[in-house]
Amino acid sequence: MTIRVTVWGENVHEQKNKIVAGIYPLTMHGTIAKALKAAGHDATTVTLQDAEHGLTAEKLAETDVLVWWGHCAHSDVDDAIVERVCDAVWGGMGVIFLHSAHFSKPFKRLMGAPCNLSWREAGERERLWVTSRQHPIAAGLPDHFELEYEEMYGEPFGVPEPLETVFISWFAGGEVFRSGLTYKRGAGNIFYFRPGHETYPTYHDANVQTVISNAVKWAYNPNKRIMNPNHAPNAPVETALEPIVERGPRLHQDGEEGYR
């Protein structure tokens, strides 16, 4: 079946920086969505400036995989929308975080970590090595590929240990970085992919487009969405599978919500 992808774009650099606008006349999110459509996915776009950042409950309900790119306006993302996105991920929506989205509110919330790193904006050559040849995200790729111009990200990367490391990058300045990491949070699959600095034509690169398309397929969960992943019911004594007798004092009455 066709995977429904929503590409979320911060949409700030494209509007304020002539270099970025020149490289991405369709916008960054528009360029990513176009490549995903060409790969057979049902891709739409929303932006930070849209009502509710384009991520209404209805939009997330019809999104199989969310792709997120943000950089200079992380703090402008409403916390209520962040929780809505995380609920969707815990319920089974896949999500792909690109480049500087390592500092986005949803990524940090899902990682529970500072997600910090070192960086340098010098247009360095980046060589990405496939570290898991049989991983579906690496399907159709050579053992390594290069991006002539990129921003350097360097270790240590302040994230939890991933399920798998699919790519490691080497930069002309000597640093290395874990550039493709997979996670699972609740029922949702998460992939972080490092390349994508806005002043370079990274998202026009065929290998990068292949990675993102493969990641969409990998992150897709065909199972029915868990509608309330935060549900924490109080189970009455009489519903126990085995007969039990209530003992000792209780703090809560039947049907009460627990403290949060």
Protein backbone atom coordinates (compact mmCIF):
# COMPACT_ATOMS: atom_id res chain seq x y z
CA MET A 1 0.00 0.00 0.00
CA THR A 2 1.05 3.62 -0.45
CA ILE A 3 2.64 5.09 2.68
CA ARG A 4 1.20 8.44 3.74
CA VAL A 5 4.08 10.76 4.57
CA THR A 6 3.88 14.24 6.06
CA VAL A 7 7.02 16.34 5.59
CA TRP A 8 7.25 19.03 8.27
CA GLY A 9 9.38 22.03 7.40
CA GLU A 10 10.40 24.92 9.58
CA ASN A 11 10.24 27.08 6.44
CA VAL A 12 12.27 29.96 7.83
CA HIS A 13 15.65 29.86 6.07
CA GLU A 14 13.98 29.51 2.66
CA GLN A 15 12.06 32.74 3.28
CA LYS A 16 14.93 34.79 4.77
CA ASN A 17 18.12 33.56 3.10
CA LYS A 18 18.71 34.02 -0.63
CA ILE A 19 21.27 31.22 -0.77
CA VAL A 20 18.86 28.70 0.68
CA ALA A 21 16.03 29.96 -1.53
CA GLY A 22 18.25 29.58 -4.58
CA ILE A 23 19.25 26.02 -3.73
CA TYR A 24 15.71 25.02 -2.79
CA PRO A 25 13.23 27.02 -4.91
CA LEU A 26 10.58 24.43 -3.97
CA THR A 27 11.61 24.87 -0.30
CA MET A 28 13.48 22.15 1.57
CA HIS A 29 10.32 20.36 2.64
CA GLY A 30 8.92 20.67 -0.88
CA THR A 31 12.09 19.16 -2.35
CA ILE A 32 11.99 16.23 0.08
CA ALA A 33 8.30 15.64 -0.60
CA LYS A 34 8.85 15.72 -4.37
CA ALA A 35 11.53 13.03 -4.09
CA LEU A 36 9.29 10.89 -1.90
CA LYS A 37 6.44 11.20 -4.39
CA ALA A 38 8.79 10.13 -7.17
CA ALA A 39 9.62 7.05 -5.07
CA GLY A 40 5.94 6.16 -4.87
CA HIS A 41 4.97 7.59 -1.50
CA ASP A 42 1.93 9.77 -0.81
CA ALA A 43 3.80 12.83 0.47
CA THR A 44 2.32 16.13 1.64
CA THR A 45 3.91 19.11 3.39
CA VAL A 46 3.10 21.27 6.39
CA THR A 47 5.09 24.06 8.02
CA LEU A 48 5.73 25.82 11.29
CA GLN A 49 3.65 28.77 10.09
CA ASP A 50 0.49 26.71 9.48
CA ALA A 51 -2.28 26.66 12.08
CA GLU A 52 -1.21 24.22 14.82
CA HIS A 53 2.04 23.95 12.81
CA GLY A 54 0.05 21.86 10.34
CA LEU A 55 0.00 18.99 12.82
CA THR A 56 -3.64 18.83 13.80
CA ALA A 57 -4.97 15.68 15.43
CA GLU A 58 -6.67 14.86 12.13
CA LYS A 59 -3.46 15.30 10.11
CA LEU A 60 -1.43 13.10 12.44
CA ALA A 61 -4.16 10.44 12.41
CA GLU A 62 -3.76 10.15 8.63
CA THR A 63 0.05 10.25 8.71
CA ASP A 64 1.90 6.95 8.60
CA VAL A 65 5.37 8.52 8.76
CA LEU A 66 6.34 12.08 9.72
CA VAL A 67 9.56 13.63 8.37
CA TRP A 68 10.88 16.57 10.44
CA TRP A 69 13.39 19.28 9.50
CA GLY A 70 13.98 22.24 11.80
CA HIS A 71 16.88 24.46 12.78
CA CYS A 72 16.52 28.09 13.89
CA ALA A 73 13.01 28.06 15.35
CA HIS A 74 12.90 25.00 17.60
CA SER A 75 11.65 27.14 20.48
CA ASP A 76 8.71 28.39 18.41
CA VAL A 77 7.13 24.93 18.28
CA ASP A 78 4.21 24.81 20.70
CA ASP A 79 4.67 22.33 23.55
CA ALA A 80 1.11 21.04 23.13
CA ILE A 81 1.90 20.11 19.52
CA VAL A 82 5.09 18.40 20.67
CA GLU A 83 3.06 16.22 23.03
CA ARG A 84 0.60 15.48 20.25
CA VAL A 85 3.41 14.33 17.98
CA CYS A 86 4.96 12.19 20.70
CA ASP A 87 1.58 10.61 21.46
CA ALA A 88 1.27 9.71 17.78
CA VAL A 89 4.74 8.16 17.78
CA TRP A 90 4.05 6.17 20.96
CA GLY A 91 0.84 5.03 19.29
CA GLY A 92 2.64 3.72 16.20
CA MET A 93 3.38 6.61 13.80
CA GLY A 94 6.87 6.46 12.32
CA VAL A 95 9.08 9.55 12.40
CA ILE A 96 12.31 10.58 10.66
CA PHE A 97 14.36 13.43 12.09
CA LEU A 98 16.75 15.13 9.68
CA HIS A 99 19.98 17.00 10.40
CA SER A 100 19.48 19.83 12.93
CA ALA A 101 16.23 18.28 14.09
CA HIS A 102 18.45 16.60 16.69
CA PHE A 103 17.70 19.71 18.77
CA SER A 104 13.99 19.79 17.95
CA LYS A 105 11.55 19.52 20.84
CA PRO A 106 9.95 16.24 19.66
CA PHE A 107 13.32 14.52 19.20
CA LYS A 108 14.63 15.60 22.60
CA ARG A 109 11.34 14.59 24.23
CA LEU A 110 11.46 11.14 22.64
CA MET A 111 15.15 10.65 23.40
CA GLY A 112 15.01 11.97 26.97
CA ALA A 113 18.54 13.26 26.46
CA PRO A 114 20.39 16.53 25.67
CA CYS A 115 21.13 15.43 22.06
CA ASN A 116 24.17 17.71 21.97
CA LEU A 117 27.15 17.50 19.60
CA SER A 118 30.02 19.54 18.19
CA TRP A 119 29.71 21.22 14.80
CA ARG A 120 31.52 23.30 12.20
CA GLU A 121 30.07 25.08 9.15
CA ALA A 122 32.91 24.95 6.64
CA GLY A 123 31.57 23.14 3.58
CA GLU A 124 33.57 19.99 4.29
CA ARG A 125 33.44 16.74 2.37
CA GLU A 126 31.35 14.15 4.21
CA ARG A 127 31.86 10.45 3.55
CA LEU A 128 29.03 8.27 4.83
CA TRP A 129 29.83 4.62 5.46
CA VAL A 130 27.15 1.95 5.60
CA THR A 131 27.72 0.06 8.85
CA SER A 132 24.80 -2.37 8.46
CA ARG A 133 24.78 -3.71 4.89
CA GLN A 134 21.62 -5.76 5.27
CA HIS A 135 19.57 -3.00 6.90
CA PRO A 136 16.52 -1.99 4.81
CA ILE A 137 17.39 1.69 5.18
CA ALA A 138 20.66 1.00 3.33
CA ALA A 139 18.99 -0.91 0.47
CA GLY A 140 20.36 0.01 -2.94
CA LEU A 141 23.28 2.02 -1.59
CA PRO A 142 27.01 1.49 -2.15
CA ASP A 143 29.23 0.71 0.84
CA HIS A 144 29.90 4.44 1.09
CA PHE A 145 28.95 7.68 -0.63
CA GLU A 146 30.14 11.26 -0.41
CA LEU A 147 28.62 14.71 -0.10
CA GLU A 148 31.07 17.30 -1.36
CA TYR A 149 29.78 20.11 0.87
CA GLU A 150 28.30 19.61 4.32
CA GLU A 151 28.28 20.95 7.86
CA MET A 152 30.36 18.87 10.25
CA TYR A 153 28.74 17.16 13.23
CA GLY A 154 31.14 15.53 15.66
CA GLU A 155 31.02 13.01 18.46
CA PRO A 156 30.18 12.62 21.23
CA PHE A 157 26.49 12.71 20.30
CA GLY A 158 24.38 13.01 23.44
CA VAL A 159 21.66 10.50 22.57
CA PRO A 160 20.69 7.13 24.07
CA GLU A 161 22.35 4.04 22.62
CA PRO A 162 20.42 3.28 19.39
CA LEU A 163 18.91 -0.01 18.37
CA GLU A 164 21.14 0.07 15.30
CA THR A 165 23.70 2.38 13.72
CA VAL A 166 23.15 2.33 9.97
CA PHE A 167 25.66 5.03 8.90
CA ILE A 168 28.83 6.57 10.25
CA SER A 169 30.21 9.77 8.73
CA TRP A 170 33.79 10.93 8.32
CA PHE A 171 34.51 14.59 7.65
CA ALA A 172 37.47 16.24 5.91
CA GLY A 173 38.45 17.88 9.20
CA GLY A 174 38.89 14.46 10.81
CA GLU A 175 35.77 14.08 12.93
CA VAL A 176 33.40 11.11 12.79
CA PHE A 177 29.71 10.93 13.66
CA ARG A 178 26.98 8.30 14.00
CA SER A 179 24.83 9.61 11.17
CA GLY A 180 22.02 7.09 10.91
CA LEU A 181 20.42 5.83 14.11
CA THR A 182 17.27 3.79 14.73
CA TYR A 183 15.08 3.79 17.83
CA LYS A 184 11.74 2.45 18.96
CA ARG A 185 9.55 4.46 21.32
CA GLY A 186 6.27 2.84 22.27
CA ALA A 187 4.89 1.40 19.04
CA GLY A 188 6.66 3.98 16.87
CA ASN A 189 9.84 3.55 14.81
CA ILE A 190 12.30 6.47 14.78
CA PHE A 191 15.21 7.17 12.44
CA TYR A 192 17.69 10.03 12.78
CA PHE A 193 19.65 10.95 9.64
CA ARG A 194 22.39 13.56 9.91
CA PRO A 195 22.98 15.23 6.49
CA GLY A 196 20.96 18.25 5.39
CA HIS A 197 22.51 21.65 6.15
CA GLU A 198 20.38 24.25 4.43
CA THR A 199 23.14 26.10 2.50
CA TYR A 200 24.18 22.95 0.62
CA PRO A 201 22.20 20.94 -1.99
CA THR A 202 22.09 17.78 0.14
CA TYR A 203 18.43 16.92 -0.45
CA HIS A 204 18.99 16.94 -4.22
CA ASP A 205 21.48 14.08 -3.84
CA ALA A 206 20.16 10.74 -5.15
CA ASN A 207 21.73 8.69 -2.35
CA VAL A 208 20.27 10.96 0.33
CA GLN A 209 16.86 10.71 -1.33
CA THR A 210 17.19 6.91 -1.35
CA VAL A 211 17.99 6.87 2.37
CA ILE A 212 14.94 8.96 3.24
CA SER A 213 12.64 6.87 1.04
CA ASN A 214 14.02 3.64 2.52
CA ALA A 215 13.62 5.07 6.00
CA VAL A 216 9.96 5.84 5.31
CA LYS A 217 9.38 2.20 4.38
CA TRP A 218 11.27 1.01 7.47
CA ALA A 219 9.48 3.39 9.86
CA TYR A 220 6.01 2.52 8.59
CA ASN A 221 3.97 0.47 11.08
CA PRO A 222 1.02 -1.27 9.33
CA ASN A 223 -0.68 -2.14 12.60
CA LYS A 224 -3.65 -0.20 13.89
CA ARG A 225 -2.66 2.95 15.78
CA ILE A 226 -2.87 2.84 19.58
CA MET A 227 -5.33 5.67 20.10
CA ASN A 228 -4.45 6.47 23.73
CA PRO A 229 -0.87 5.37 24.43
CA ASN A 230 -0.94 7.21 27.78
CA HIS A 231 -3.91 5.21 29.11
CA ALA A 232 -3.12 3.93 32.63
CA PRO A 233 -6.31 2.35 34.02
CA ASN A 234 -7.02 1.52 37.63
CA ALA A 235 -7.92 -2.20 37.60
CA PRO A 236 -10.65 -3.00 40.20
CA VAL A 237 -10.23 -6.03 42.42
CA GLU A 238 -13.23 -7.78 40.89
CA THR A 239 -11.68 -7.73 37.40
CA ALA A 240 -8.58 -9.69 38.47
CA LEU A 241 -8.12 -12.89 36.46
CA GLU A 242 -7.62 -14.88 39.65
CA PRO A 243 -9.79 -14.44 42.78
CA ILE A 244 -8.15 -12.09 45.27
CA VAL A 245 -9.21 -10.40 48.50
CA GLU A 246 -8.45 -6.72 48.96
CA ARG A 247 -6.08 -6.16 51.86
CA GLY A 248 -4.77 -3.04 53.54
CA PRO A 249 -5.77 0.59 53.11
CA ARG A 250 -6.10 2.16 49.67
CA LEU A 251 -5.35 5.63 48.38
CA HIS A 252 -7.56 5.54 45.28
CA GLN A 253 -11.19 4.65 44.70
CA ASP A 254 -12.38 2.48 41.81
CA GLY A 255 -12.40 4.41 38.57
CA GLU A 256 -10.08 7.18 39.79
CA GLU A 257 -7.29 8.39 37.54
CA GLY A 258 -3.82 7.97 38.92
CA TYR A 259 -1.59 10.92 39.72
CA ARG A 260 0.47 12.32 36.81
